[in-house]
Amino acid sequence: MKNRSLVVKAGWVLVILLIAMSAAFTTMSYFRERAMYFESLLQIEEAMDAQLELQSADIQAAGQKMSLSYDKYMADPANVRIQAQIEKMLTSKIVTNGYLMSTEMTTKDNKHYAKMMQANRTLNEHGAKVLEDYELSAQFQRAYEDALKKGTGMTDVYTDASGTWISILSAIRTDKGETVAVFGLDFDYGSIQSDLNHALLLNILIGLVIGGLFIGLMIWLLIRTVRPLKRMAEVSKLAAEGDLSVSVPVNGRDEIGLVSENFNHMVESIRKLVGSIKTHSDEVAESSDLLTVSAKQTAEATGEAARAVEEVAAGAENQLQSAEECKRAMVEMATGIERIAESAGVVADLSSQTSRDAAQGNEVVQQMIAQMNRIESVMTETGGVIHELRTRSEEVGEIMALIADIANQTNLLALNASIEAARAGEHGKGFAVVAVEVRKLAEKSKESSEHIAALLREIEANTKRAVASMDAGVNETSKGTAAAGQAGEVFERILHAIQQVAGQVQEVSAASEEMSAGTEEVAASLEELARIAQEAADNTQNVAASSEEQLAAMEEISSASGHLKEMSVLLQRQVNAFKL
């Protein structure tokens, strides 16, 4: 589609627009025709309703006689007139049935019914029987209720065994406004749909014919309009290939004529510009030749000067490096000596502090030895006391065993006394009471002695463990006393050695300070020498850099002039390709 001509593209766009517009027009026409058809149906129903309302008295009378038999009811003059009027109304091909229904609706088994008051013969014979209940569908019921409330009701399109229908219902009222019946008309929607489809097809054909003529006319106009553009495209192709002597004929002052005129002006301007470029390119070629020769000569002279300056700069650089190396060596030596002096001072301070700490440690160890001796003495005394306590506990245990034996014997004696008192009868009751109390006292004494004996056994066991612990503590205390004595001797030797080291460190610190002062003087001299060498090296470097920059600039100028020569030749070749 991108490579198609403008006429083809415009033709397709017009076809698509025509189809869209025709579809929209046809759809709107169809729905407008349908709405008008329904409006005409309502008008037909209203006209027939008005005719029946002229017989509202007969209809009201017929409603009062619905209790009669079918034959009598149908033979009634009022009903005969009503049925004749309904038959006259069914002259149109789309009106199939006409009928009257009562205004009362009944409900049975969730279904709604209305009694048929009168109907045309065909409906009476094959559909809804007069004086019988007619079942109302959901949409028919809505139309029925709308007729009673609003005066008119219409169903949607529905289909049954007889065909496709649309029904319109209206209320029949007397002169006093009393509703006496509901009048209904059944319209054959098949005939209506056939008429609508015929009208739709006719609209489609008319739209296609008109659209075809319109498209043909527009394509003819497009061809006439695009023809100058084709000529302009051919001329612009020649101009793009280098032929600037071409022009486009100008026909008229419309948009295409203005474009053609502007195109000719553009080609003329390009032709003048190319001529000017050709003239100046020749001048540039001659100037670039002269510039190339001058640049080469200047570059050679600058190169010789740069090499000489580089040799001077190299010597100055070597001298500067030697001075820098000596300076760094002396600075490092001074730093090392200064660190030695600082370290020696720190070691001296630490030696003094360590000497004082060792002396204090020796004093603490001597105090610890004395304290350990006192602890050993106290532990020995405590062990003797615990041994004595163990002996006394054993004696108390023996006494409690004796008390327990006495309590057992007392219990036996009290038991014997109770037996003797029982034998004595009344004379022995008082003695029996005393014997019982003595026995209770003996039992309590036995329980207490047993409890005390248990406590003594626990005390004896704890005493044995305490004796063992005290013996072990005395042994460990003796070992600690011996170790503390050895530690005291070691601290005395450490104190003597530290005092000797402190003296030697002070001598080293003094010597290091003297060496540091000497190296600082040498470093200052070397720094001055390095500064002088640096200034000389910087000056020679600046001269060398300037020479290098000048040489590089001349080389760039030489290269640029050569490139300019090439560009001017290329420009001349390209300009010569144009036909002026």
Protein backbone atom coordinates (compact mmCIF):
# COMPACT_ATOMS: atom_id res chain seq x y z
CA MET A 1 0.00 0.00 0.00
CA LYS A 2 2.95 2.35 0.67
CA ASN A 3 4.15 2.06 -2.96
CA ARG A 4 0.71 2.66 -4.52
CA SER A 5 -0.06 5.93 -6.30
CA LEU A 6 -1.92 8.76 -4.62
CA VAL A 7 -4.97 8.16 -6.83
CA VAL A 8 -5.21 4.50 -5.75
CA LYS A 9 -4.81 5.41 -2.09
CA ALA A 10 -7.43 8.14 -2.31
CA GLY A 11 -9.75 5.77 -4.20
CA TRP A 12 -9.53 3.16 -1.47
CA VAL A 13 -10.12 5.79 1.20
CA LEU A 14 -13.20 7.03 -0.65
CA VAL A 15 -14.53 3.47 -1.02
CA ILE A 16 -14.08 2.81 2.69
CA LEU A 17 -15.73 6.13 3.59
CA LEU A 18 -18.59 5.43 1.19
CA ILE A 19 -19.19 1.99 2.67
CA ALA A 20 -19.11 3.41 6.21
CA MET A 21 -21.44 6.28 5.32
CA SER A 22 -23.79 3.99 3.39
CA ALA A 23 -23.92 1.56 6.30
CA ALA A 24 -24.64 4.39 8.75
CA PHE A 25 -27.24 5.95 6.45
CA THR A 26 -28.92 2.59 5.78
CA THR A 27 -28.98 1.71 9.48
CA MET A 28 -30.49 5.06 10.43
CA SER A 29 -33.03 4.79 7.61
CA TYR A 30 -33.98 1.29 8.70
CA PHE A 31 -34.59 2.29 12.30
CA ARG A 32 -36.40 5.47 11.20
CA GLU A 33 -38.69 3.42 8.92
CA ARG A 34 -39.26 0.96 11.76
CA ALA A 35 -40.13 3.76 14.19
CA MET A 36 -42.50 5.31 11.64
CA TYR A 37 -44.11 1.92 11.06
CA PHE A 38 -44.72 1.47 14.77
CA GLU A 39 -46.08 5.01 14.97
CA SER A 40 -48.52 4.20 12.16
CA LEU A 41 -49.58 1.06 14.04
CA LEU A 42 -50.35 3.18 17.09
CA GLN A 43 -52.33 5.60 14.94
CA ILE A 44 -54.33 2.71 13.43
CA GLU A 45 -55.06 1.36 16.88
CA GLU A 46 -56.09 4.80 18.19
CA ALA A 47 -58.44 5.32 15.25
CA MET A 48 -60.09 1.94 15.76
CA ASP A 49 -60.25 2.53 19.50
CA ALA A 50 -62.08 5.82 18.84
CA GLN A 51 -64.59 4.00 16.63
CA LEU A 52 -65.26 1.40 19.32
CA GLU A 53 -65.66 4.04 22.01
CA LEU A 54 -68.67 5.27 20.05
CA GLN A 55 -70.19 1.90 20.97
CA SER A 56 -69.07 2.07 24.60
CA ALA A 57 -72.70 1.68 25.72
CA ASP A 58 -73.05 -1.60 23.80
CA ILE A 59 -69.69 -2.78 25.20
CA GLN A 60 -70.73 -1.90 28.73
CA ALA A 61 -74.01 -3.77 28.23
CA ALA A 62 -72.14 -6.78 26.83
CA GLY A 63 -69.90 -6.81 29.88
CA GLN A 64 -72.97 -7.08 32.11
CA LYS A 65 -74.29 -10.09 30.14
CA MET A 66 -71.17 -12.27 30.29
CA SER A 67 -72.94 -14.64 32.65
CA LEU A 68 -75.22 -15.77 29.77
CA SER A 69 -74.52 -18.85 27.71
CA TYR A 70 -72.29 -18.58 24.68
CA ASP A 71 -75.10 -18.79 22.13
CA LYS A 72 -77.33 -16.26 23.90
CA TYR A 73 -74.39 -13.95 24.47
CA MET A 74 -73.31 -14.06 20.82
CA ALA A 75 -76.93 -13.58 19.63
CA ASP A 76 -77.37 -10.44 21.71
CA PRO A 77 -77.85 -7.44 19.38
CA ALA A 78 -75.16 -5.40 21.17
CA ASN A 79 -72.58 -8.17 20.66
CA VAL A 80 -73.63 -8.61 17.04
CA ARG A 81 -72.98 -4.90 16.41
CA ILE A 82 -69.64 -5.05 18.24
CA GLN A 83 -68.42 -8.09 16.27
CA ALA A 84 -69.52 -6.51 12.99
CA GLN A 85 -67.57 -3.35 13.84
CA ILE A 86 -64.45 -5.44 14.66
CA GLU A 87 -64.72 -7.33 11.37
CA LYS A 88 -64.89 -4.03 9.43
CA MET A 89 -61.61 -2.97 11.06
CA LEU A 90 -59.67 -5.97 9.73
CA THR A 91 -59.35 -4.69 6.16
CA SER A 92 -55.60 -3.96 6.31
CA LYS A 93 -53.27 -6.85 5.45
CA ILE A 94 -51.16 -6.23 8.55
CA VAL A 95 -54.12 -6.19 11.02
CA THR A 96 -54.96 -9.84 11.65
CA ASN A 97 -57.01 -9.99 14.85
CA GLY A 98 -59.21 -7.65 16.85
CA TYR A 99 -60.71 -8.43 20.27
CA LEU A 100 -62.16 -7.05 23.49
CA MET A 101 -61.09 -8.26 26.94
CA SER A 102 -62.58 -7.67 30.37
CA THR A 103 -60.93 -5.23 32.76
CA GLU A 104 -60.64 -7.79 35.53
CA MET A 105 -57.56 -10.04 35.65
CA THR A 106 -57.61 -13.31 37.60
CA THR A 107 -54.74 -15.48 38.85
CA LYS A 108 -54.63 -19.29 38.96
CA ASP A 109 -51.56 -21.38 39.71
CA ASN A 110 -49.31 -18.31 39.39
CA LYS A 111 -50.74 -17.65 35.90
CA HIS A 112 -52.74 -14.57 34.95
CA TYR A 113 -55.96 -14.65 32.89
CA ALA A 114 -58.40 -12.17 31.37
CA LYS A 115 -61.84 -13.11 30.02
CA MET A 116 -62.37 -12.61 26.30
CA MET A 117 -65.49 -10.40 25.72
CA GLN A 118 -65.52 -10.38 21.91
CA ALA A 119 -63.20 -11.27 18.99
CA ASN A 120 -63.20 -11.55 15.22
CA ARG A 121 -64.50 -14.87 13.86
CA THR A 122 -61.09 -16.31 12.92
CA LEU A 123 -59.65 -15.67 16.38
CA ASN A 124 -62.83 -16.88 18.07
CA GLU A 125 -62.77 -20.13 16.13
CA HIS A 126 -59.05 -20.91 16.20
CA GLY A 127 -57.54 -18.91 19.04
CA ALA A 128 -59.17 -17.18 21.98
CA LYS A 129 -62.75 -18.34 22.59
CA VAL A 130 -65.26 -15.67 23.61
CA LEU A 131 -66.35 -15.88 27.29
CA GLU A 132 -63.30 -18.03 28.11
CA ASP A 133 -60.22 -17.05 30.10
CA TYR A 134 -57.25 -16.10 27.96
CA GLU A 135 -53.80 -16.75 29.50
CA LEU A 136 -51.64 -13.64 29.52
CA SER A 137 -47.90 -14.00 28.83
CA ALA A 138 -45.47 -11.80 30.76
CA GLN A 139 -45.10 -9.14 28.07
CA PHE A 140 -48.82 -9.33 27.16
CA GLN A 141 -49.62 -8.79 30.85
CA ARG A 142 -47.37 -5.67 30.92
CA ALA A 143 -49.17 -4.25 27.85
CA TYR A 144 -52.56 -5.12 29.42
CA GLU A 145 -51.64 -3.29 32.66
CA ASP A 146 -50.25 -0.29 30.71
CA ALA A 147 -53.55 -0.05 28.80
CA LEU A 148 -55.52 0.07 32.06
CA LYS A 149 -53.17 2.61 33.69
CA LYS A 150 -51.95 4.76 30.79
CA GLY A 151 -54.62 4.13 28.17
CA THR A 152 -52.31 2.33 25.68
CA GLY A 153 -49.87 -0.59 25.90
CA MET A 154 -47.67 -2.32 23.32
CA THR A 155 -45.93 -5.70 23.44
CA ASP A 156 -42.53 -6.54 22.02
CA VAL A 157 -42.28 -8.73 18.96
CA TYR A 158 -43.21 -12.29 19.93
CA THR A 159 -43.71 -15.59 18.13
CA ASP A 160 -46.30 -18.31 18.69
CA ALA A 161 -47.64 -21.25 16.68
CA SER A 162 -49.55 -18.92 14.31
CA GLY A 163 -46.65 -16.62 13.42
CA THR A 164 -44.75 -13.52 14.57
CA TRP A 165 -46.84 -10.72 16.06
CA ILE A 166 -46.88 -7.39 17.81
CA SER A 167 -49.99 -6.46 19.83
CA ILE A 168 -51.33 -3.04 20.85
CA LEU A 169 -53.91 -2.73 23.64
CA SER A 170 -56.00 0.30 24.63
CA ALA A 171 -58.69 1.05 27.19
CA ILE A 172 -62.34 1.56 26.06
CA ARG A 173 -63.89 4.30 28.20
CA THR A 174 -67.42 5.68 28.44
CA ASP A 175 -68.32 9.34 28.27
CA LYS A 176 -67.93 9.43 32.04
CA GLY A 177 -64.35 8.12 31.81
CA GLU A 178 -65.17 4.65 33.14
CA THR A 179 -63.06 1.83 31.63
CA VAL A 180 -65.40 -0.94 30.43
CA ALA A 181 -63.05 -3.11 28.32
CA VAL A 182 -59.56 -3.49 26.84
CA PHE A 183 -59.39 -3.40 23.05
CA GLY A 184 -56.56 -5.27 21.33
CA LEU A 185 -55.19 -5.56 17.81
CA ASP A 186 -52.69 -8.21 16.60
CA PHE A 187 -50.45 -7.00 13.78
CA ASP A 188 -48.67 -9.48 11.50
CA TYR A 189 -45.00 -8.62 12.14
CA GLY A 190 -43.93 -10.92 9.29
CA SER A 191 -45.56 -8.56 6.77
CA ILE A 192 -44.12 -5.57 8.61
CA GLN A 193 -40.62 -7.08 8.54
CA SER A 194 -41.00 -7.88 4.82
CA ASP A 195 -41.87 -4.24 4.07
CA LEU A 196 -38.94 -3.03 6.21
CA ASN A 197 -36.50 -5.40 4.47
CA HIS A 198 -37.74 -4.23 1.06
CA ALA A 199 -37.19 -0.61 2.07
CA LEU A 200 -33.74 -1.50 3.46
CA LEU A 201 -32.70 -3.20 0.20
CA LEU A 202 -33.94 -0.24 -1.82
CA ASN A 203 -31.92 2.18 0.35
CA ILE A 204 -28.80 0.02 -0.07
CA LEU A 205 -29.14 -0.01 -3.86
CA ILE A 206 -29.71 3.73 -4.02
CA GLY A 207 -26.70 4.31 -1.76
CA LEU A 208 -24.44 2.08 -3.88
CA VAL A 209 -25.45 3.81 -7.13
CA ILE A 210 -24.97 7.30 -5.72
CA GLY A 211 -21.71 6.25 -4.05
CA GLY A 212 -20.36 4.71 -7.25
CA LEU A 213 -21.07 7.88 -9.19
CA PHE A 214 -19.47 9.96 -6.45
CA ILE A 215 -16.34 7.77 -6.37
CA GLY A 216 -15.97 7.92 -10.17
CA LEU A 217 -16.25 11.71 -10.12
CA MET A 218 -13.71 12.05 -7.29
CA ILE A 219 -11.21 9.71 -9.01
CA TRP A 220 -11.51 11.73 -12.25
CA LEU A 221 -10.84 14.94 -10.31
CA LEU A 222 -7.87 13.35 -8.52
CA ILE A 223 -6.32 12.21 -11.81
CA ARG A 224 -6.57 15.75 -13.24
CA THR A 225 -5.16 17.20 -10.01
CA VAL A 226 -2.26 14.75 -9.64
CA ARG A 227 -1.06 14.99 -13.28
CA PRO A 228 1.10 18.14 -12.62
CA LEU A 229 2.54 16.44 -9.53
CA LYS A 230 3.73 13.53 -11.68
CA ARG A 231 5.54 15.96 -13.98
CA MET A 232 7.12 17.63 -10.95
CA ALA A 233 8.29 14.23 -9.65
CA GLU A 234 9.99 13.48 -13.01
CA VAL A 235 11.73 16.88 -13.07
CA SER A 236 12.83 16.60 -9.42
CA LYS A 237 14.38 13.19 -10.22
CA LEU A 238 16.46 14.78 -13.03
CA ALA A 239 17.53 17.57 -10.66
CA ALA A 240 18.53 15.01 -8.02
CA GLU A 241 20.71 13.29 -10.66
CA GLY A 242 22.60 16.56 -11.33
CA ASP A 243 20.70 18.22 -14.16
CA LEU A 244 19.94 21.70 -12.77
CA SER A 245 18.85 23.09 -16.17
CA VAL A 246 15.33 21.63 -15.91
CA SER A 247 12.10 23.46 -14.95
CA VAL A 248 8.41 22.68 -14.39
CA PRO A 249 5.66 24.37 -16.45
CA VAL A 250 3.38 26.56 -14.29
CA ASN A 251 -0.34 26.25 -15.14
CA GLY A 252 -2.60 28.39 -13.00
CA ARG A 253 -2.25 30.02 -9.56
CA ASP A 254 -3.73 27.26 -7.45
CA GLU A 255 -1.79 25.34 -4.80
CA ILE A 256 -0.12 23.02 -7.36
CA GLY A 257 0.80 26.01 -9.55
CA LEU A 258 2.41 27.75 -6.54
CA VAL A 259 4.33 24.57 -5.68
CA SER A 260 5.61 24.33 -9.30
CA GLU A 261 6.72 27.97 -9.26
CA ASN A 262 8.51 27.56 -5.91
CA PHE A 263 10.19 24.40 -7.22
CA ASN A 264 11.59 26.33 -10.21
CA HIS A 265 12.90 29.05 -7.86
CA MET A 266 14.56 26.39 -5.70
CA VAL A 267 16.32 24.76 -8.69
CA GLU A 268 17.54 28.20 -9.85
CA SER A 269 18.93 28.97 -6.37
CA ILE A 270 20.72 25.61 -6.23
CA ARG A 271 22.19 26.24 -9.72
CA LYS A 272 23.63 29.59 -8.58
CA LEU A 273 24.94 28.06 -5.34
CA VAL A 274 26.72 25.24 -7.18
CA GLY A 275 28.38 27.75 -9.54
CA SER A 276 29.63 29.81 -6.61
CA ILE A 277 30.94 26.69 -4.86
CA LYS A 278 32.85 25.67 -8.00
CA THR A 279 34.60 29.08 -8.21
CA HIS A 280 35.59 29.12 -4.52
CA SER A 281 36.75 25.49 -4.56
CA ASP A 282 39.33 26.36 -7.23
CA GLU A 283 40.66 29.21 -5.07
CA VAL A 284 40.80 26.96 -1.99
CA ALA A 285 42.81 24.34 -3.92
CA GLU A 286 45.50 26.90 -4.89
CA SER A 287 45.72 28.30 -1.32
CA SER A 288 46.02 24.85 0.21
CA ASP A 289 49.05 24.06 -2.01
CA LEU A 290 50.91 27.15 -0.75
CA LEU A 291 49.97 26.44 2.87
CA THR A 292 51.23 22.86 2.64
CA VAL A 293 54.71 23.94 1.45
CA SER A 294 55.07 26.62 4.17
CA ALA A 295 53.89 24.27 6.91
CA LYS A 296 56.44 21.59 5.97
CA GLN A 297 59.37 24.06 6.09
CA THR A 298 58.32 25.48 9.47
CA ALA A 299 57.82 21.99 10.90
CA GLU A 300 61.39 20.95 9.96
CA ALA A 301 62.94 23.99 11.69
CA THR A 302 60.81 23.55 14.78
CA GLY A 303 61.76 19.86 14.99
CA GLU A 304 65.50 20.67 15.13
CA ALA A 305 64.97 23.23 17.93
CA ALA A 306 62.82 20.81 19.88
CA ARG A 307 65.49 18.08 19.75
CA ALA A 308 68.16 20.45 21.13
CA VAL A 309 65.93 21.58 23.98
CA GLU A 310 65.08 17.96 24.80
CA GLU A 311 68.79 17.14 25.28
CA VAL A 312 69.17 20.05 27.74
CA ALA A 313 66.00 19.02 29.56
CA ALA A 314 67.26 15.44 29.87
CA GLY A 315 70.49 16.61 31.59
CA ALA A 316 68.58 18.83 34.01
CA GLU A 317 66.19 16.01 34.74
CA ASN A 318 69.08 13.62 35.61
CA GLN A 319 70.58 16.20 37.98
CA LEU A 320 67.19 16.75 39.62
CA GLN A 321 66.68 13.02 40.09
CA SER A 322 70.11 12.63 41.78
CA ALA A 323 69.38 15.50 44.15
CA GLU A 324 65.94 14.13 44.93
CA GLU A 325 67.38 10.69 45.68
CA CYS A 326 69.98 12.15 48.11
CA LYS A 327 67.29 14.25 49.73
CA ARG A 328 64.98 11.27 50.16
CA ALA A 329 67.84 9.17 51.62
CA MET A 330 68.74 11.84 54.21
CA VAL A 331 65.08 12.44 55.07
CA GLU A 332 64.56 8.71 55.57
CA MET A 333 67.76 8.52 57.69
CA ALA A 334 66.64 11.48 59.81
CA THR A 335 63.21 9.95 60.21
CA GLY A 336 64.74 6.62 61.27
CA ILE A 337 67.07 8.26 63.79
CA GLU A 338 64.19 10.34 65.15
CA ARG A 339 62.09 7.21 65.54
CA ILE A 340 65.03 5.49 67.32
CA ALA A 341 65.30 8.43 69.71
CA GLU A 342 61.57 8.43 70.33
CA SER A 343 61.57 4.66 70.86
CA ALA A 344 64.54 4.88 73.22
CA GLY A 345 62.74 7.56 75.23
CA VAL A 346 59.61 5.47 75.37
CA VAL A 347 61.63 2.40 76.42
CA ALA A 348 63.36 4.44 79.14
CA ASP A 349 60.01 5.61 80.47
CA LEU A 350 58.65 2.08 80.32
CA SER A 351 61.76 0.75 82.09
CA SER A 352 61.32 3.26 84.91
CA GLN A 353 57.65 2.44 85.20
CA THR A 354 58.40 -1.30 85.08
CA SER A 355 61.03 -0.89 87.82
CA ARG A 356 58.50 0.85 90.03
CA ASP A 357 55.87 -1.81 89.24
CA ALA A 358 58.35 -4.60 90.02
CA ALA A 359 59.18 -3.02 93.38
CA GLN A 360 55.48 -2.70 94.20
CA GLY A 361 54.95 -6.31 93.05
CA ASN A 362 57.77 -7.50 95.35
CA GLU A 363 56.13 -5.72 98.28
CA VAL A 364 52.75 -7.27 97.41
CA VAL A 365 54.32 -10.74 97.19
CA GLN A 366 55.97 -10.30 100.61
CA GLN A 367 52.60 -9.23 102.06
CA MET A 368 50.96 -12.24 100.36
CA ILE A 369 53.57 -14.58 101.93
CA ALA A 370 52.82 -13.18 105.38
CA GLN A 371 49.08 -13.46 104.76
CA MET A 372 49.48 -17.08 103.58
CA ASN A 373 51.37 -17.89 106.78
CA ARG A 374 48.58 -16.41 108.87
CA ILE A 375 45.95 -18.34 106.83
CA GLU A 376 47.90 -21.57 107.38
CA SER A 377 47.95 -20.95 111.15
CA VAL A 378 44.21 -20.18 111.25
CA MET A 379 43.41 -23.25 109.13
CA THR A 380 45.41 -25.44 111.51
CA GLU A 381 43.55 -24.06 114.53
CA THR A 382 40.19 -24.48 112.75
CA GLY A 383 41.07 -28.10 111.97
CA GLY A 384 41.73 -28.77 115.65
CA VAL A 385 38.40 -27.23 116.64
CA ILE A 386 36.52 -29.33 114.05
CA HIS A 387 38.27 -32.51 115.29
CA GLU A 388 37.19 -31.62 118.85
CA LEU A 389 33.63 -30.98 117.61
CA ARG A 390 33.58 -34.39 115.94
CA THR A 391 34.64 -36.04 119.24
CA ARG A 392 31.91 -34.21 121.19
CA SER A 393 29.29 -35.21 118.58
CA GLU A 394 30.21 -38.86 119.00
CA GLU A 395 29.82 -38.55 122.79
CA VAL A 396 26.39 -36.91 122.40
CA GLY A 397 25.40 -39.76 120.10
CA GLU A 398 26.28 -42.30 122.73
CA ILE A 399 24.21 -40.38 125.31
CA MET A 400 21.20 -40.25 122.96
CA ALA A 401 21.46 -44.00 122.42
CA LEU A 402 21.34 -44.46 126.18
CA ILE A 403 18.26 -42.18 126.38
CA ALA A 404 16.55 -44.23 123.66
CA ASP A 405 17.19 -47.44 125.63
CA ILE A 406 15.75 -45.83 128.77
CA ALA A 407 12.64 -44.72 126.81
CA ASN A 408 12.14 -48.26 125.48
CA GLN A 409 12.42 -49.72 128.98
CA THR A 410 10.02 -47.07 130.34
CA ASN A 411 7.54 -47.96 127.60
CA LEU A 412 7.74 -51.64 128.54
CA LEU A 413 7.25 -50.81 132.23
CA ALA A 414 4.22 -48.61 131.41
CA LEU A 415 2.75 -51.45 129.35
CA ASN A 416 3.22 -53.90 132.22
CA ALA A 417 1.67 -51.37 134.63
CA SER A 418 -1.37 -51.02 132.37
CA ILE A 419 -1.78 -54.79 132.30
CA GLU A 420 -1.55 -54.98 136.12
CA ALA A 421 -4.02 -52.08 136.51
CA ALA A 422 -6.47 -53.89 134.26
CA ARG A 423 -6.19 -56.94 136.46
CA ALA A 424 -6.82 -54.85 139.61
CA GLY A 425 -10.17 -53.62 138.23
CA GLU A 426 -11.73 -50.52 139.76
CA HIS A 427 -8.83 -50.10 142.20
CA GLY A 428 -6.33 -49.92 139.43
CA LYS A 429 -8.05 -47.33 137.11
CA GLY A 430 -6.07 -44.34 138.46
CA PHE A 431 -2.86 -46.28 138.17
CA ALA A 432 -3.81 -47.28 134.60
CA VAL A 433 -4.25 -43.62 133.62
CA VAL A 434 -0.80 -42.79 135.00
CA ALA A 435 0.67 -45.78 133.16
CA VAL A 436 -0.84 -44.57 129.86
CA GLU A 437 0.59 -41.08 130.30
CA VAL A 438 4.00 -42.54 131.20
CA ARG A 439 3.89 -44.69 128.05
CA LYS A 440 3.00 -41.65 125.86
CA LEU A 441 5.86 -39.71 127.46
CA ALA A 442 8.22 -42.64 126.81
CA GLU A 443 7.13 -42.81 123.13
CA LYS A 444 7.65 -39.06 122.65
CA SER A 445 11.06 -39.34 124.34
CA LYS A 446 11.94 -42.19 121.98
CA GLU A 447 10.82 -40.18 118.90
CA SER A 448 12.80 -37.12 120.05
CA SER A 449 15.90 -39.20 120.74
CA GLU A 450 15.63 -40.82 117.30
CA HIS A 451 15.25 -37.40 115.63
CA ILE A 452 18.24 -36.05 117.58
CA ALA A 453 20.23 -39.14 116.65
CA ALA A 454 19.46 -38.52 112.96
CA LEU A 455 20.57 -34.89 113.27
CA LEU A 456 23.76 -36.00 115.05
CA ARG A 457 24.50 -38.44 112.25
CA GLU A 458 24.14 -35.63 109.68
CA ILE A 459 26.34 -33.36 111.82
CA GLU A 460 28.92 -36.12 112.14
CA ALA A 461 28.93 -36.65 108.36
CA ASN A 462 29.27 -32.89 107.69
CA THR A 463 32.02 -32.72 110.33
CA LYS A 464 33.93 -35.50 108.58
CA ARG A 465 33.68 -33.64 105.27
CA ALA A 466 34.74 -30.39 106.97
CA VAL A 467 37.77 -32.16 108.52
CA ALA A 468 38.74 -33.51 105.08
CA SER A 469 38.30 -30.06 103.48
CA MET A 470 40.32 -28.37 106.24
CA ASP A 471 43.14 -30.89 105.83
CA ALA A 472 43.16 -30.26 102.07
CA GLY A 473 43.03 -26.47 102.65
CA VAL A 474 46.00 -26.63 105.05
CA ASN A 475 47.96 -28.63 102.46
CA GLU A 476 47.12 -26.18 99.62
CA THR A 477 47.92 -23.20 101.88
CA SER A 478 51.36 -24.64 102.56
CA LYS A 479 51.95 -25.03 98.81
CA GLY A 480 50.74 -21.44 98.18
CA THR A 481 53.12 -20.12 100.84
CA ALA A 482 56.05 -21.86 99.17
CA ALA A 483 55.05 -20.56 95.71
CA ALA A 484 54.69 -17.01 97.02
CA GLY A 485 58.20 -17.20 98.44
CA GLN A 486 59.58 -18.27 95.07
CA ALA A 487 57.67 -15.44 93.34
CA GLY A 488 59.23 -12.92 95.73
CA GLU A 489 62.74 -14.09 94.81
CA VAL A 490 61.92 -13.82 91.07
CA PHE A 491 60.56 -10.25 91.48
CA GLU A 492 63.81 -9.20 93.21
CA ARG A 493 65.87 -10.50 90.26
CA ILE A 494 63.55 -8.76 87.73
CA LEU A 495 63.85 -5.45 89.58
CA HIS A 496 67.66 -5.58 89.45
CA ALA A 497 67.69 -6.41 85.69
CA ILE A 498 65.22 -3.63 84.80
CA GLN A 499 67.29 -1.02 86.63
CA GLN A 500 70.35 -1.98 84.52
CA VAL A 501 68.35 -1.81 81.22
CA ALA A 502 66.96 1.65 82.08
CA GLY A 503 70.46 3.10 82.40
CA GLN A 504 71.58 1.75 79.02
CA VAL A 505 68.42 2.98 77.27
CA GLN A 506 68.98 6.54 78.52
CA GLU A 507 72.48 6.53 77.00
CA VAL A 508 71.08 5.33 73.60
CA SER A 509 68.39 8.03 73.64
CA ALA A 510 70.95 10.82 74.14
CA ALA A 511 73.12 9.55 71.25
CA SER A 512 70.08 9.29 68.94
CA GLU A 513 69.08 12.90 69.59
CA GLU A 514 72.57 14.12 68.60
CA MET A 515 72.47 12.07 65.34
CA SER A 516 68.98 13.41 64.51
CA ALA A 517 70.16 17.03 64.77
CA GLY A 518 73.05 16.34 62.36
CA THR A 519 70.90 14.65 59.74
CA GLU A 520 68.38 17.52 59.81
CA GLU A 521 71.15 19.99 58.85
CA VAL A 522 72.29 17.75 55.94
CA ALA A 523 68.66 17.31 54.76
CA ALA A 524 68.13 21.09 54.70
CA SER A 525 71.19 21.56 52.47
CA LEU A 526 70.05 18.83 50.08
CA GLU A 527 66.54 20.35 49.93
CA GLU A 528 67.98 23.70 48.78
CA LEU A 529 70.05 21.90 46.13
CA ALA A 530 66.95 19.98 44.93
CA ARG A 531 64.96 23.24 44.69
CA ILE A 532 67.59 24.82 42.46
CA ALA A 533 67.74 21.71 40.25
CA GLN A 534 63.93 21.64 40.07
CA GLU A 535 63.77 25.23 38.84
CA ALA A 536 66.33 24.48 36.12
CA ALA A 537 64.46 21.32 35.07
CA ASP A 538 61.12 23.18 35.02
CA ASN A 539 62.52 25.89 32.77
CA THR A 540 63.98 23.40 30.31
CA GLN A 541 60.74 21.41 30.37
CA ASN A 542 58.74 24.52 29.58
CA VAL A 543 60.99 25.31 26.63
CA ALA A 544 60.80 21.69 25.42
CA ALA A 545 57.02 21.66 25.81
CA SER A 546 56.68 24.88 23.84
CA SER A 547 58.85 23.45 21.08
CA GLU A 548 56.81 20.24 21.04
CA GLU A 549 53.56 22.18 20.90
CA GLN A 550 54.84 24.35 18.04
CA LEU A 551 56.04 21.25 16.17
CA ALA A 552 52.71 19.50 16.73
CA ALA A 553 50.83 22.59 15.58
CA MET A 554 52.87 22.81 12.40
CA GLU A 555 52.34 19.11 11.73
CA GLU A 556 48.60 19.58 12.23
CA ILE A 557 48.64 22.56 9.88
CA SER A 558 50.52 20.51 7.31
CA SER A 559 48.07 17.62 7.70
CA ALA A 560 45.08 19.97 7.56
CA SER A 561 46.38 21.66 4.43
CA GLY A 562 46.79 18.25 2.77
CA HIS A 563 43.28 17.27 3.81
CA LEU A 564 42.01 20.63 2.56
CA LYS A 565 43.66 19.95 -0.79
CA GLU A 566 41.94 16.56 -0.99
CA MET A 567 38.56 18.06 -0.03
CA SER A 568 38.90 20.83 -2.62
CA VAL A 569 39.67 18.26 -5.33
CA LEU A 570 36.70 16.15 -4.24
CA LEU A 571 34.47 19.24 -4.17
CA GLN A 572 35.56 20.18 -7.69
CA ARG A 573 34.80 16.66 -8.90
CA GLN A 574 31.32 16.73 -7.32
CA VAL A 575 30.53 20.23 -8.59
CA ASN A 576 31.54 19.22 -12.12
CA ALA A 577 28.90 16.49 -11.95
CA PHE A 578 26.16 19.16 -12.07
CA LYS A 579 24.83 20.38 -15.39
CA LEU A 580 24.37 24.16 -15.10
